[in-house]
Amino acid sequence: MTHYVCDLYGNTNWKIPVEEVAARTFNTEQEAQQWFQEKCSDNSIEFSGFHNTERYVTNWVYCNGQEVGEITKRPT
């Protein structure tokens, strides 16, 4: 089964506890997008759509035209 992990660049997953990363992990793409919409609620949010990268399939997230994070699609 696939899961979706949200990473907010200002508070990256590399620097937070495992429990917080788990709270940013979702079963569906829609849940992951909703998490970002709540973080950028007063701003214009855009998603790039998923693209293959060297590590994971990634969907970059933009608020007001600035890249603020990403959603990675990962196997369980």
Protein backbone atom coordinates (compact mmCIF):
# COMPACT_ATOMS: atom_id res chain seq x y z
CA MET A 1 0.00 0.00 0.00
CA THR A 2 1.18 3.52 -0.80
CA HIS A 3 1.33 6.40 1.67
CA TYR A 4 1.95 10.12 1.25
CA VAL A 5 4.41 12.12 3.36
CA CYS A 6 4.21 15.92 3.63
CA ASP A 7 7.40 17.90 4.13
CA LEU A 8 7.22 21.61 4.92
CA TYR A 9 10.56 23.22 4.07
CA GLY A 10 10.47 25.73 6.95
CA ASN A 11 10.10 22.82 9.39
CA THR A 12 11.60 19.91 7.48
CA ASN A 13 11.05 16.27 8.41
CA TRP A 14 14.81 15.81 8.81
CA LYS A 15 14.75 18.05 11.89
CA ILE A 16 11.60 16.93 13.72
CA PRO A 17 10.81 13.87 15.87
CA VAL A 18 9.60 10.66 14.22
CA GLU A 19 6.19 11.15 15.86
CA GLU A 20 5.72 14.47 14.08
CA VAL A 21 6.69 12.91 10.74
CA ALA A 22 4.10 10.19 11.39
CA ALA A 23 1.48 12.93 11.88
CA ARG A 24 2.38 14.22 8.40
CA THR A 25 1.87 10.79 6.79
CA PHE A 26 -1.44 10.04 5.08
CA ASN A 27 -3.17 7.19 3.26
CA THR A 28 -4.42 9.30 0.36
CA GLU A 29 -3.16 12.13 -1.82
CA GLN A 30 -6.27 14.14 -0.91
CA GLU A 31 -5.48 13.95 2.82
CA ALA A 32 -1.93 15.13 2.17
CA GLN A 33 -3.13 18.04 0.04
CA GLN A 34 -5.64 18.97 2.75
CA TRP A 35 -2.79 19.12 5.30
CA PHE A 36 -0.99 21.68 3.13
CA GLN A 37 -4.20 23.62 2.50
CA GLU A 38 -4.60 24.00 6.26
CA LYS A 39 -0.99 25.22 6.60
CA CYS A 40 -1.41 27.76 3.78
CA SER A 41 -5.07 28.61 4.43
CA ASP A 42 -4.82 32.35 3.73
CA ASN A 43 -2.70 31.91 0.62
CA SER A 44 -3.04 30.74 -2.95
CA ILE A 45 -1.86 27.11 -2.97
CA GLU A 46 -0.79 25.10 -6.02
CA PHE A 47 0.41 21.54 -6.49
CA SER A 48 2.81 20.59 -9.31
CA GLY A 49 1.37 17.13 -9.80
CA PHE A 50 3.52 14.06 -9.19
CA HIS A 51 6.88 13.72 -10.95
CA ASN A 52 9.45 10.92 -10.83
CA THR A 53 12.66 11.84 -9.01
CA GLU A 54 15.75 9.87 -8.02
CA ARG A 55 14.20 8.81 -4.70
CA TYR A 56 10.42 9.21 -4.63
CA VAL A 57 7.55 10.33 -6.79
CA THR A 58 7.17 13.96 -5.66
CA ASN A 59 4.45 16.63 -5.82
CA TRP A 60 5.89 20.09 -5.07
CA VAL A 61 3.70 22.56 -3.19
CA TYR A 62 3.60 26.33 -3.76
CA CYS A 63 1.98 29.10 -1.69
CA ASN A 64 1.67 32.46 -3.44
CA GLY A 65 4.07 31.23 -6.12
CA GLN A 66 6.82 30.23 -3.66
CA GLU A 67 7.82 26.59 -3.18
CA VAL A 68 7.05 25.72 0.46
CA GLY A 69 7.18 21.93 0.58
CA GLU A 70 6.49 18.63 -1.08
CA ILE A 71 4.38 15.51 -0.89
CA THR A 72 6.26 12.29 -1.55
CA LYS A 73 4.48 9.09 -2.57
CA ARG A 74 6.13 6.14 -0.83
CA PRO A 75 5.59 2.42 -0.66
CA THR A 76 4.69 1.00 2.73
